[in-house]
Amino acid sequence: MAAEEKNVNQAVNVNLDAGKTPVLFTDNVFISSNEDGVVLDVGQRVGNTNQVTVVARIGMSRSHAKKLADALSKNLMTVAAATQTGKKVVN
C-alpha cells in the first residue's frame, strides 16, 4: 500500500481561525490546466454587470484535482440524498 493511500484513512485535525479565514462566495470558476497541473480562478460577479472579480486562485496537481472532483461529487450526492430523506448531513 502506498504512503498516499495510508494517509487517506488517518484522522486529520483542521485548525480554522474564522476571524482570519473568510468564506469567499463564488458564482464563477475558470479552470485552466496543462500536463503539470490545474488552476482554479474563483470569481464573483460584480453587482448587476458582466464584470467578474477573481477572489481566489487555487493551484494543484492533476492527480489532486481528480481527488477533489471525486470528493466534491460524493459530497454533493450525500447532501442531495439527505435533502430527500430529511436527514441532517454531518461532516
PDB file of N, CA and C in Angstrom:
ATOM      1  N   MET A   1       0.849  -1.174   0.000  1.00  0.00           N
ATOM      2  CA  MET A   1       0.000   0.000   0.000  1.00  0.00           C
ATOM      3  C   MET A   1       0.897   1.240   0.000  1.00  0.00           C
ATOM      4  N   ALA A   2       0.639   2.163  -0.890  1.00  0.00           N
ATOM      5  CA  ALA A   2       1.440   3.376  -0.995  1.00  0.00           C
ATOM      6  C   ALA A   2       1.174   4.290   0.193  1.00  0.00           C
ATOM      7  N   ALA A   3       2.160   5.113   0.521  1.00  0.00           N
ATOM      8  CA  ALA A   3       2.021   6.037   1.654  1.00  0.00           C
ATOM      9  C   ALA A   3       0.824   6.957   1.459  1.00  0.00           C
ATOM     10  N   GLU A   4       0.596   7.371   0.228  1.00  0.00           N
ATOM     11  CA  GLU A   4      -0.515   8.272  -0.054  1.00  0.00           C
ATOM     12  C   GLU A   4      -1.853   7.617   0.311  1.00  0.00           C
ATOM     13  N   GLU A   5      -2.009   6.334   0.018  1.00  0.00           N
ATOM     14  CA  GLU A   5      -3.239   5.626   0.341  1.00  0.00           C
ATOM     15  C   GLU A   5      -3.426   5.496   1.848  1.00  0.00           C
ATOM     16  N   LYS A   6      -2.346   5.314   2.596  1.00  0.00           N
ATOM     17  CA  LYS A   6      -2.428   5.190   4.050  1.00  0.00           C
ATOM     18  C   LYS A   6      -2.940   6.478   4.675  1.00  0.00           C
ATOM     19  N   ASN A   7      -2.546   7.631   4.139  1.00  0.00           N
ATOM     20  CA  ASN A   7      -2.951   8.916   4.695  1.00  0.00           C
ATOM     21  C   ASN A   7      -4.444   9.173   4.542  1.00  0.00           C
ATOM     22  N   VAL A   8      -5.076   8.565   3.572  1.00  0.00           N
ATOM     23  CA  VAL A   8      -6.496   8.778   3.331  1.00  0.00           C
ATOM     24  C   VAL A   8      -7.323   8.336   4.533  1.00  0.00           C
ATOM     25  N   ASN A   9      -6.901   7.273   5.215  1.00  0.00           N
ATOM     26  CA  ASN A   9      -7.671   6.726   6.321  1.00  0.00           C
ATOM     27  C   ASN A   9      -7.307   7.312   7.678  1.00  0.00           C
ATOM     28  N   GLN A  10      -6.313   8.163   7.758  1.00  0.00           N
ATOM     29  CA  GLN A  10      -5.892   8.741   9.028  1.00  0.00           C
ATOM     30  C   GLN A  10      -6.729   9.976   9.350  1.00  0.00           C
ATOM     31  N   ALA A  11      -7.023  10.162  10.637  1.00  0.00           N
ATOM     32  CA  ALA A  11      -7.767  11.348  11.070  1.00  0.00           C
ATOM     33  C   ALA A  11      -6.886  12.582  10.901  1.00  0.00           C
ATOM     34  N   VAL A  12      -7.497  13.683  10.571  1.00  0.00           N
ATOM     35  CA  VAL A  12      -6.783  14.939  10.371  1.00  0.00           C
ATOM     36  C   VAL A  12      -7.435  16.009  11.233  1.00  0.00           C
ATOM     37  N   ASN A  13      -6.634  16.751  11.989  1.00  0.00           N
ATOM     38  CA  ASN A  13      -7.132  17.909  12.717  1.00  0.00           C
ATOM     39  C   ASN A  13      -6.980  19.132  11.831  1.00  0.00           C
ATOM     40  N   VAL A  14      -8.055  19.866  11.640  1.00  0.00           N
ATOM     41  CA  VAL A  14      -8.023  21.077  10.833  1.00  0.00           C
ATOM     42  C   VAL A  14      -8.257  22.253  11.759  1.00  0.00           C
ATOM     43  N   ASN A  15      -7.317  23.198  11.780  1.00  0.00           N
ATOM     44  CA  ASN A  15      -7.459  24.406  12.587  1.00  0.00           C
ATOM     45  C   ASN A  15      -7.947  25.535  11.698  1.00  0.00           C
ATOM     46  N   LEU A  16      -8.972  26.230  12.153  1.00  0.00           N
ATOM     47  CA  LEU A  16      -9.548  27.309  11.371  1.00  0.00           C
ATOM     48  C   LEU A  16      -9.806  28.504  12.271  1.00  0.00           C
ATOM     49  N   ASP A  17      -9.190  29.623  11.935  1.00  0.00           N
ATOM     50  CA  ASP A  17      -9.453  30.876  12.635  1.00  0.00           C
ATOM     51  C   ASP A  17     -10.490  31.625  11.812  1.00  0.00           C
ATOM     52  N   ALA A  18     -11.757  31.506  12.202  1.00  0.00           N
ATOM     53  CA  ALA A  18     -12.856  32.085  11.430  1.00  0.00           C
ATOM     54  C   ALA A  18     -12.717  33.599  11.247  1.00  0.00           C
ATOM     55  N   GLY A  19     -12.048  34.263  12.175  1.00  0.00           N
ATOM     56  CA  GLY A  19     -11.843  35.704  12.065  1.00  0.00           C
ATOM     57  C   GLY A  19     -10.842  36.083  10.988  1.00  0.00           C
ATOM     58  N   LYS A  20      -9.949  35.161  10.652  1.00  0.00           N
ATOM     59  CA  LYS A  20      -8.910  35.451   9.653  1.00  0.00           C
ATOM     60  C   LYS A  20      -9.108  34.685   8.346  1.00  0.00           C
ATOM     61  N   THR A  21     -10.117  33.810   8.312  1.00  0.00           N
ATOM     62  CA  THR A  21     -10.336  32.987   7.130  1.00  0.00           C
ATOM     63  C   THR A  21     -11.768  33.183   6.641  1.00  0.00           C
ATOM     64  N   PRO A  22     -11.978  34.181   5.798  1.00  0.00           N
ATOM     65  CA  PRO A  22     -13.342  34.437   5.341  1.00  0.00           C
ATOM     66  C   PRO A  22     -13.809  33.379   4.350  1.00  0.00           C
ATOM     67  N   VAL A  23     -15.117  33.230   4.238  1.00  0.00           N
ATOM     68  CA  VAL A  23     -15.697  32.393   3.196  1.00  0.00           C
ATOM     69  C   VAL A  23     -15.872  33.293   1.975  1.00  0.00           C
ATOM     70  N   LEU A  24     -15.238  32.918   0.889  1.00  0.00           N
ATOM     71  CA  LEU A  24     -15.313  33.709  -0.333  1.00  0.00           C
ATOM     72  C   LEU A  24     -16.384  33.108  -1.242  1.00  0.00           C
ATOM     73  N   PHE A  25     -17.459  33.835  -1.470  1.00  0.00           N
ATOM     74  CA  PHE A  25     -18.541  33.346  -2.321  1.00  0.00           C
ATOM     75  C   PHE A  25     -18.114  33.386  -3.775  1.00  0.00           C
ATOM     76  N   THR A  26     -18.544  32.398  -4.528  1.00  0.00           N
ATOM     77  CA  THR A  26     -18.250  32.388  -5.954  1.00  0.00           C
ATOM     78  C   THR A  26     -19.494  32.085  -6.764  1.00  0.00           C
ATOM     79  N   ASP A  27     -19.611  32.723  -7.897  1.00  0.00           N
ATOM     80  CA  ASP A  27     -20.628  32.349  -8.861  1.00  0.00           C
ATOM     81  C   ASP A  27     -19.984  32.103 -10.230  1.00  0.00           C
ATOM     82  N   ASN A  28     -18.640  32.067 -10.242  1.00  0.00           N
ATOM     83  CA  ASN A  28     -17.887  31.774 -11.454  1.00  0.00           C
ATOM     84  C   ASN A  28     -16.604  31.040 -11.083  1.00  0.00           C
ATOM     85  N   VAL A  29     -16.265  30.014 -11.834  1.00  0.00           N
ATOM     86  CA  VAL A  29     -14.980  29.332 -11.674  1.00  0.00           C
ATOM     87  C   VAL A  29     -14.404  29.125 -13.063  1.00  0.00           C
ATOM     88  N   PHE A  30     -13.196  29.615 -13.253  1.00  0.00           N
ATOM     89  CA  PHE A  30     -12.491  29.457 -14.520  1.00  0.00           C
ATOM     90  C   PHE A  30     -11.389  28.432 -14.296  1.00  0.00           C
ATOM     91  N   ILE A  31     -11.356  27.392 -15.111  1.00  0.00           N
ATOM     92  CA  ILE A  31     -10.416  26.300 -14.920  1.00  0.00           C
ATOM     93  C   ILE A  31      -9.435  26.269 -16.077  1.00  0.00           C
ATOM     94  N   SER A  32      -8.141  26.262 -15.746  1.00  0.00           N
ATOM     95  CA  SER A  32      -7.120  26.075 -16.770  1.00  0.00           C
ATOM     96  C   SER A  32      -6.198  24.948 -16.322  1.00  0.00           C
ATOM     97  N   SER A  33      -5.731  24.173 -17.276  1.00  0.00           N
ATOM     98  CA  SER A  33      -4.873  23.043 -16.916  1.00  0.00           C
ATOM     99  C   SER A  33      -3.906  22.738 -18.049  1.00  0.00           C
ATOM    100  N   ASN A  34      -2.845  22.052 -17.666  1.00  0.00           N
ATOM    101  CA  ASN A  34      -1.887  21.522 -18.619  1.00  0.00           C
ATOM    102  C   ASN A  34      -1.359  20.219 -18.053  1.00  0.00           C
ATOM    103  N   GLU A  35      -0.318  19.664 -18.639  1.00  0.00           N
ATOM    104  CA  GLU A  35       0.185  18.370 -18.174  1.00  0.00           C
ATOM    105  C   GLU A  35       0.755  18.435 -16.760  1.00  0.00           C
ATOM    106  N   ASP A  36       1.068  19.617 -16.257  1.00  0.00           N
ATOM    107  CA  ASP A  36       1.661  19.754 -14.929  1.00  0.00           C
ATOM    108  C   ASP A  36       0.651  19.979 -13.818  1.00  0.00           C
ATOM    109  N   GLY A  37      -0.482  20.596 -14.115  1.00  0.00           N
ATOM    110  CA  GLY A  37      -1.418  20.878 -13.040  1.00  0.00           C
ATOM    111  C   GLY A  37      -2.658  21.620 -13.494  1.00  0.00           C
ATOM    112  N   VAL A  38      -3.438  22.031 -12.496  1.00  0.00           N
ATOM    113  CA  VAL A  38      -4.725  22.694 -12.712  1.00  0.00           C
ATOM    114  C   VAL A  38      -4.757  23.967 -11.871  1.00  0.00           C
ATOM    115  N   VAL A  39      -5.318  25.037 -12.430  1.00  0.00           N
ATOM    116  CA  VAL A  39      -5.519  26.274 -11.678  1.00  0.00           C
ATOM    117  C   VAL A  39      -6.996  26.632 -11.750  1.00  0.00           C
ATOM    118  N   LEU A  40      -7.590  26.882 -10.569  1.00  0.00           N
ATOM    119  CA  LEU A  40      -8.967  27.349 -10.484  1.00  0.00           C
ATOM    120  C   LEU A  40      -8.933  28.834 -10.137  1.00  0.00           C
ATOM    121  N   ASP A  41      -9.475  29.664 -11.009  1.00  0.00           N
ATOM    122  CA  ASP A  41      -9.660  31.082 -10.701  1.00  0.00           C
ATOM    123  C   ASP A  41     -11.108  31.228 -10.261  1.00  0.00           C
ATOM    124  N   VAL A  42     -11.303  31.491  -8.969  1.00  0.00           N
ATOM    125  CA  VAL A  42     -12.633  31.558  -8.377  1.00  0.00           C
ATOM    126  C   VAL A  42     -13.077  33.011  -8.384  1.00  0.00           C
ATOM    127  N   GLY A  43     -14.205  33.275  -9.036  1.00  0.00           N
ATOM    128  CA  GLY A  43     -14.626  34.660  -9.217  1.00  0.00           C
ATOM    129  C   GLY A  43     -16.008  34.954  -8.681  1.00  0.00           C
ATOM    130  N   GLN A  44     -16.280  36.243  -8.584  1.00  0.00           N
ATOM    131  CA  GLN A  44     -17.562  36.733  -8.070  1.00  0.00           C
ATOM    132  C   GLN A  44     -18.035  37.844  -8.991  1.00  0.00           C
ATOM    133  N   ARG A  45     -19.279  37.734  -9.454  1.00  0.00           N
ATOM    134  CA  ARG A  45     -19.841  38.765 -10.326  1.00  0.00           C
ATOM    135  C   ARG A  45     -19.995  40.066  -9.543  1.00  0.00           C
ATOM    136  N   VAL A  46     -19.697  41.168 -10.199  1.00  0.00           N
ATOM    137  CA  VAL A  46     -19.792  42.482  -9.561  1.00  0.00           C
ATOM    138  C   VAL A  46     -21.161  43.072  -9.871  1.00  0.00           C
ATOM    139  N   GLY A  47     -22.017  43.068  -8.843  1.00  0.00           N
ATOM    140  CA  GLY A  47     -23.353  43.656  -8.982  1.00  0.00           C
ATOM    141  C   GLY A  47     -24.133  43.062 -10.133  1.00  0.00           C
ATOM    142  N   ASN A  48     -24.809  43.913 -10.841  1.00  0.00           N
ATOM    143  CA  ASN A  48     -25.654  43.501 -11.958  1.00  0.00           C
ATOM    144  C   ASN A  48     -24.945  43.769 -13.286  1.00  0.00           C
ATOM    145  N   THR A  49     -23.642  43.472 -13.335  1.00  0.00           N
ATOM    146  CA  THR A  49     -22.839  43.732 -14.528  1.00  0.00           C
ATOM    147  C   THR A  49     -22.304  42.417 -15.086  1.00  0.00           C
ATOM    148  N   ASN A  50     -21.549  42.518 -16.171  1.00  0.00           N
ATOM    149  CA  ASN A  50     -20.895  41.330 -16.706  1.00  0.00           C
ATOM    150  C   ASN A  50     -19.434  41.250 -16.232  1.00  0.00           C
ATOM    151  N   GLN A  51     -19.095  42.044 -15.235  1.00  0.00           N
ATOM    152  CA  GLN A  51     -17.744  42.090 -14.663  1.00  0.00           C
ATOM    153  C   GLN A  51     -17.591  41.014 -13.587  1.00  0.00           C
ATOM    154  N   VAL A  52     -16.479  40.278 -13.627  1.00  0.00           N
ATOM    155  CA  VAL A  52     -16.184  39.256 -12.621  1.00  0.00           C
ATOM    156  C   VAL A  52     -14.837  39.592 -11.987  1.00  0.00           C
ATOM    157  N   THR A  53     -14.781  39.561 -10.651  1.00  0.00           N
ATOM    158  CA  THR A  53     -13.539  39.779  -9.922  1.00  0.00           C
ATOM    159  C   THR A  53     -13.067  38.446  -9.360  1.00  0.00           C
ATOM    160  N   VAL A  54     -11.811  38.092  -9.628  1.00  0.00           N
ATOM    161  CA  VAL A  54     -11.258  36.863  -9.065  1.00  0.00           C
ATOM    162  C   VAL A  54     -10.977  37.111  -7.589  1.00  0.00           C
ATOM    163  N   VAL A  55     -11.557  36.267  -6.720  1.00  0.00           N
ATOM    164  CA  VAL A  55     -11.387  36.417  -5.276  1.00  0.00           C
ATOM    165  C   VAL A  55     -10.375  35.430  -4.701  1.00  0.00           C
ATOM    166  N   ALA A  56     -10.068  34.377  -5.466  1.00  0.00           N
ATOM    167  CA  ALA A  56      -9.069  33.404  -5.012  1.00  0.00           C
ATOM    168  C   ALA A  56      -8.559  32.614  -6.208  1.00  0.00           C
ATOM    169  N   ARG A  57      -7.294  32.195  -6.120  1.00  0.00           N
ATOM    170  CA  ARG A  57      -6.701  31.317  -7.129  1.00  0.00           C
ATOM    171  C   ARG A  57      -6.190  30.088  -6.404  1.00  0.00           C
ATOM    172  N   ILE A  58      -6.523  28.924  -6.926  1.00  0.00           N
ATOM    173  CA  ILE A  58      -6.132  27.678  -6.288  1.00  0.00           C
ATOM    174  C   ILE A  58      -5.447  26.805  -7.332  1.00  0.00           C
ATOM    175  N   GLY A  59      -4.221  26.411  -7.037  1.00  0.00           N
ATOM    176  CA  GLY A  59      -3.481  25.552  -7.949  1.00  0.00           C
ATOM    177  C   GLY A  59      -3.221  24.204  -7.308  1.00  0.00           C
ATOM    178  N   MET A  60      -3.206  23.154  -8.137  1.00  0.00           N
ATOM    179  CA  MET A  60      -2.949  21.798  -7.620  1.00  0.00           C
ATOM    180  C   MET A  60      -2.493  20.905  -8.764  1.00  0.00           C
ATOM    181  N   SER A  61      -1.955  19.753  -8.386  1.00  0.00           N
ATOM    182  CA  SER A  61      -1.560  18.769  -9.387  1.00  0.00           C
ATOM    183  C   SER A  61      -2.811  18.176 -10.034  1.00  0.00           C
ATOM    184  N   ARG A  62      -2.631  17.566 -11.176  1.00  0.00           N
ATOM    185  CA  ARG A  62      -3.764  16.930 -11.845  1.00  0.00           C
ATOM    186  C   ARG A  62      -4.324  15.783 -11.011  1.00  0.00           C
ATOM    187  N   SER A  63      -3.451  15.030 -10.340  1.00  0.00           N
ATOM    188  CA  SER A  63      -3.947  13.927  -9.517  1.00  0.00           C
ATOM    189  C   SER A  63      -4.750  14.455  -8.325  1.00  0.00           C
ATOM    190  N   HIS A  64      -4.319  15.564  -7.752  1.00  0.00           N
ATOM    191  CA  HIS A  64      -5.074  16.164  -6.648  1.00  0.00           C
ATOM    192  C   HIS A  64      -6.408  16.700  -7.165  1.00  0.00           C
ATOM    193  N   ALA A  65      -6.419  17.273  -8.355  1.00  0.00           N
ATOM    194  CA  ALA A  65      -7.653  17.793  -8.941  1.00  0.00           C
ATOM    195  C   ALA A  65      -8.668  16.671  -9.149  1.00  0.00           C
ATOM    196  N   LYS A  66      -8.193  15.482  -9.554  1.00  0.00           N
ATOM    197  CA  LYS A  66      -9.098  14.338  -9.728  1.00  0.00           C
ATOM    198  C   LYS A  66      -9.693  13.934  -8.385  1.00  0.00           C
ATOM    199  N   LYS A  67      -8.867  13.938  -7.328  1.00  0.00           N
ATOM    200  CA  LYS A  67      -9.362  13.605  -5.989  1.00  0.00           C
ATOM    201  C   LYS A  67     -10.376  14.642  -5.519  1.00  0.00           C
ATOM    202  N   LEU A  68     -10.115  15.912  -5.804  1.00  0.00           N
ATOM    203  CA  LEU A  68     -11.051  16.971  -5.440  1.00  0.00           C
ATOM    204  C   LEU A  68     -12.380  16.772  -6.151  1.00  0.00           C
ATOM    205  N   ALA A  69     -12.339  16.469  -7.445  1.00  0.00           N
ATOM    206  CA  ALA A  69     -13.571  16.251  -8.208  1.00  0.00           C
ATOM    207  C   ALA A  69     -14.363  15.068  -7.647  1.00  0.00           C
ATOM    208  N   ASP A  70     -13.678  13.992  -7.294  1.00  0.00           N
ATOM    209  CA  ASP A  70     -14.355  12.820  -6.712  1.00  0.00           C
ATOM    210  C   ASP A  70     -14.984  13.166  -5.364  1.00  0.00           C
ATOM    211  N   ALA A  71     -14.227  13.850  -4.503  1.00  0.00           N
ATOM    212  CA  ALA A  71     -14.725  14.205  -3.171  1.00  0.00           C
ATOM    213  C   ALA A  71     -15.910  15.162  -3.269  1.00  0.00           C
ATOM    214  N   LEU A  72     -15.835  16.119  -4.169  1.00  0.00           N
ATOM    215  CA  LEU A  72     -16.934  17.071  -4.355  1.00  0.00           C
ATOM    216  C   LEU A  72     -18.182  16.355  -4.853  1.00  0.00           C
ATOM    217  N   SER A  73     -18.011  15.444  -5.796  1.00  0.00           N
ATOM    218  CA  SER A  73     -19.143  14.682  -6.320  1.00  0.00           C
ATOM    219  C   SER A  73     -19.802  13.852  -5.221  1.00  0.00           C
ATOM    220  N   LYS A  74     -18.996  13.162  -4.414  1.00  0.00           N
ATOM    221  CA  LYS A  74     -19.538  12.349  -3.322  1.00  0.00           C
ATOM    222  C   LYS A  74     -20.271  13.221  -2.299  1.00  0.00           C
ATOM    223  N   ASN A  75     -19.691  14.374  -1.983  1.00  0.00           N
ATOM    224  CA  ASN A  75     -20.308  15.281  -1.015  1.00  0.00           C
ATOM    225  C   ASN A  75     -21.659  15.775  -1.518  1.00  0.00           C
ATOM    226  N   LEU A  76     -21.722  16.170  -2.786  1.00  0.00           N
ATOM    227  CA  LEU A  76     -22.978  16.668  -3.348  1.00  0.00           C
ATOM    228  C   LEU A  76     -24.046  15.587  -3.397  1.00  0.00           C
ATOM    229  N   MET A  77     -23.651  14.347  -3.699  1.00  0.00           N
ATOM    230  CA  MET A  77     -24.614  13.241  -3.697  1.00  0.00           C
ATOM    231  C   MET A  77     -25.138  12.976  -2.283  1.00  0.00           C
ATOM    232  N   THR A  78     -24.249  13.063  -1.289  1.00  0.00           N
ATOM    233  CA  THR A  78     -24.654  12.855   0.103  1.00  0.00           C
ATOM    234  C   THR A  78     -25.661  13.917   0.532  1.00  0.00           C
ATOM    235  N   VAL A  79     -25.393  15.157   0.207  1.00  0.00           N
ATOM    236  CA  VAL A  79     -26.294  16.249   0.575  1.00  0.00           C
ATOM    237  C   VAL A  79     -27.630  16.111  -0.155  1.00  0.00           C
ATOM    238  N   ALA A  80     -27.590  15.744  -1.428  1.00  0.00           N
ATOM    239  CA  ALA A  80     -28.836  15.566  -2.187  1.00  0.00           C
ATOM    240  C   ALA A  80     -29.675  14.448  -1.582  1.00  0.00           C
ATOM    241  N   ALA A  81     -29.044  13.340  -1.217  1.00  0.00           N
ATOM    242  CA  ALA A  81     -29.771  12.222  -0.609  1.00  0.00           C
ATOM    243  C   ALA A  81     -30.350  12.623   0.739  1.00  0.00           C
ATOM    244  N   ALA A  82     -29.581  13.360   1.531  1.00  0.00           N
ATOM    245  CA  ALA A  82     -30.055  13.799   2.844  1.00  0.00           C
ATOM    246  C   ALA A  82     -31.219  14.772   2.705  1.00  0.00           C
ATOM    247  N   THR A  83     -31.179  15.605   1.696  1.00  0.00           N
ATOM    248  CA  THR A  83     -32.266  16.552   1.465  1.00  0.00           C
ATOM    249  C   THR A  83     -33.563  15.814   1.160  1.00  0.00           C
ATOM    250  N   GLN A  84     -33.473  14.756   0.379  1.00  0.00           N
ATOM    251  CA  GLN A  84     -34.668  13.989   0.014  1.00  0.00           C
ATOM    252  C   GLN A  84     -35.220  13.186   1.199  1.00  0.00           C
ATOM    253  N   THR A  85     -34.329  12.700   2.072  1.00  0.00           N
ATOM    254  CA  THR A  85     -34.783  11.878   3.206  1.00  0.00           C
ATOM    255  C   THR A  85     -35.051  12.705   4.453  1.00  0.00           C
ATOM    256  N   GLY A  86     -34.590  13.972   4.455  1.00  0.00           N
ATOM    257  CA  GLY A  86     -34.781  14.834   5.609  1.00  0.00           C
ATOM    258  C   GLY A  86     -33.734  14.607   6.699  1.00  0.00           C
ATOM    259  N   LYS A  87     -32.717  13.794   6.430  1.00  0.00           N
ATOM    260  CA  LYS A  87     -31.667  13.550   7.406  1.00  0.00           C
ATOM    261  C   LYS A  87     -30.628  14.652   7.367  1.00  0.00           C
ATOM    262  N   LYS A  88     -30.074  14.985   8.521  1.00  0.00           N
ATOM    263  CA  LYS A  88     -29.062  16.017   8.618  1.00  0.00           C
ATOM    264  C   LYS A  88     -27.704  15.449   8.217  1.00  0.00           C
ATOM    265  N   VAL A  89     -26.943  16.227   7.428  1.00  0.00           N
ATOM    266  CA  VAL A  89     -25.609  15.811   6.994  1.00  0.00           C
ATOM    267  C   VAL A  89     -24.590  16.260   8.028  1.00  0.00           C
ATOM    268  N   VAL A  90     -23.746  15.358   8.474  1.00  0.00           N
ATOM    269  CA  VAL A  90     -22.674  15.678   9.420  1.00  0.00           C
ATOM    270  C   VAL A  90     -21.344  15.461   8.715  1.00  0.00           C
ATOM    271  N   ASN A  91     -20.529  16.501   8.653  1.00  0.00           N
ATOM    272  CA  ASN A  91     -19.212  16.375   8.002  1.00  0.00           C
ATOM    273  C   ASN A  91     -18.200  15.821   8.965  1.00  0.00           C
TER     274      ASN A  91
END
